Amino acid sequence: MAIKVTLSFKENNVNDLMLHDFLESESETIGKSAYMKSLLKEKFDQKQSIKDE
């Protein structure tokens, strides 16, 4: 299962090393959050398609 994650930072001066360190420390949390959101969206879409029938 592929999940697309978009990160946005308030600061414009995020360099590759800062990004690497952030992803290394937060990757598990980001992955779990993205996975939960994808499951919720999938359930929502299923309910919408049932309603539309």
C-alpha atoms as a PDB file:
ATOM      1  CA  MET A   1       0.000   0.000   0.000  1.00  0.00           C
ATOM      2  CA  ALA A   2       1.457   3.349  -1.021  1.00  0.00           C
ATOM      3  CA  ILE A   3       0.591   6.454   0.934  1.00  0.00           C
ATOM      4  CA  LYS A   4       1.423   9.955  -0.236  1.00  0.00           C
ATOM      5  CA  VAL A   5       2.503  12.316   2.532  1.00  0.00           C
ATOM      6  CA  THR A   6       2.887  16.055   2.073  1.00  0.00           C
ATOM      7  CA  LEU A   7       4.963  17.950   4.607  1.00  0.00           C
ATOM      8  CA  SER A   8       4.878  21.692   5.010  1.00  0.00           C
ATOM      9  CA  PHE A   9       7.144  23.740   7.217  1.00  0.00           C
ATOM     10  CA  LYS A  10       6.550  27.231   8.573  1.00  0.00           C
ATOM     11  CA  GLU A  11      10.204  28.047   8.020  1.00  0.00           C
ATOM     12  CA  ASN A  12      11.576  28.509   4.507  1.00  0.00           C
ATOM     13  CA  ASN A  13      15.158  27.681   5.434  1.00  0.00           C
ATOM     14  CA  VAL A  14      14.730  23.906   5.874  1.00  0.00           C
ATOM     15  CA  ASN A  15      17.778  22.233   4.367  1.00  0.00           C
ATOM     16  CA  ASP A  16      18.338  18.593   3.433  1.00  0.00           C
ATOM     17  CA  LEU A  17      20.074  17.742   6.707  1.00  0.00           C
ATOM     18  CA  MET A  18      17.242  19.234   8.790  1.00  0.00           C
ATOM     19  CA  LEU A  19      14.683  17.365   6.684  1.00  0.00           C
ATOM     20  CA  HIS A  20      16.618  14.099   7.020  1.00  0.00           C
ATOM     21  CA  ASP A  21      16.868  14.480  10.805  1.00  0.00           C
ATOM     22  CA  PHE A  22      13.173  15.319  11.071  1.00  0.00           C
ATOM     23  CA  LEU A  23      12.093  12.349   8.947  1.00  0.00           C
ATOM     24  CA  GLU A  24      14.421  10.017  10.814  1.00  0.00           C
ATOM     25  CA  SER A  25      12.972  11.016  14.180  1.00  0.00           C
ATOM     26  CA  GLU A  26       9.308  11.323  13.151  1.00  0.00           C
ATOM     27  CA  SER A  27       8.890   8.758  10.367  1.00  0.00           C
ATOM     28  CA  GLU A  28       7.006   6.231  12.493  1.00  0.00           C
ATOM     29  CA  THR A  29       4.507   8.844  13.700  1.00  0.00           C
ATOM     30  CA  ILE A  30       4.061  10.268  10.189  1.00  0.00           C
ATOM     31  CA  GLY A  31       3.536   6.791   8.752  1.00  0.00           C
ATOM     32  CA  LYS A  32       0.952   5.809  11.363  1.00  0.00           C
ATOM     33  CA  SER A  33      -0.930   9.084  10.918  1.00  0.00           C
ATOM     34  CA  ALA A  34      -0.965   8.792   7.127  1.00  0.00           C
ATOM     35  CA  TYR A  35      -2.091   5.166   7.332  1.00  0.00           C
ATOM     36  CA  MET A  36      -4.966   6.022   9.701  1.00  0.00           C
ATOM     37  CA  LYS A  37      -6.071   8.893   7.453  1.00  0.00           C
ATOM     38  CA  SER A  38      -6.034   6.615   4.407  1.00  0.00           C
ATOM     39  CA  LEU A  39      -8.175   4.034   6.244  1.00  0.00           C
ATOM     40  CA  LEU A  40     -10.645   6.715   7.315  1.00  0.00           C
ATOM     41  CA  LYS A  41     -10.872   8.080   3.765  1.00  0.00           C
ATOM     42  CA  GLU A  42     -11.411   4.585   2.393  1.00  0.00           C
ATOM     43  CA  LYS A  43     -14.293   3.969   4.837  1.00  0.00           C
ATOM     44  CA  PHE A  44     -15.796   7.383   4.057  1.00  0.00           C
ATOM     45  CA  ASP A  45     -15.621   6.695   0.315  1.00  0.00           C
ATOM     46  CA  GLN A  46     -17.278   3.303   0.830  1.00  0.00           C
ATOM     47  CA  LYS A  47     -20.143   4.896   2.767  1.00  0.00           C
ATOM     48  CA  GLN A  48     -20.547   7.593   0.102  1.00  0.00           C
ATOM     49  CA  SER A  49     -20.745   4.998  -2.687  1.00  0.00           C
ATOM     50  CA  ILE A  50     -23.393   3.046  -0.743  1.00  0.00           C
ATOM     51  CA  LYS A  51     -25.395   6.272  -0.245  1.00  0.00           C
ATOM     52  CA  ASP A  52     -25.184   7.088  -3.955  1.00  0.00           C
ATOM     53  CA  GLU A  53     -26.652   3.718  -4.978  1.00  0.00           C
END
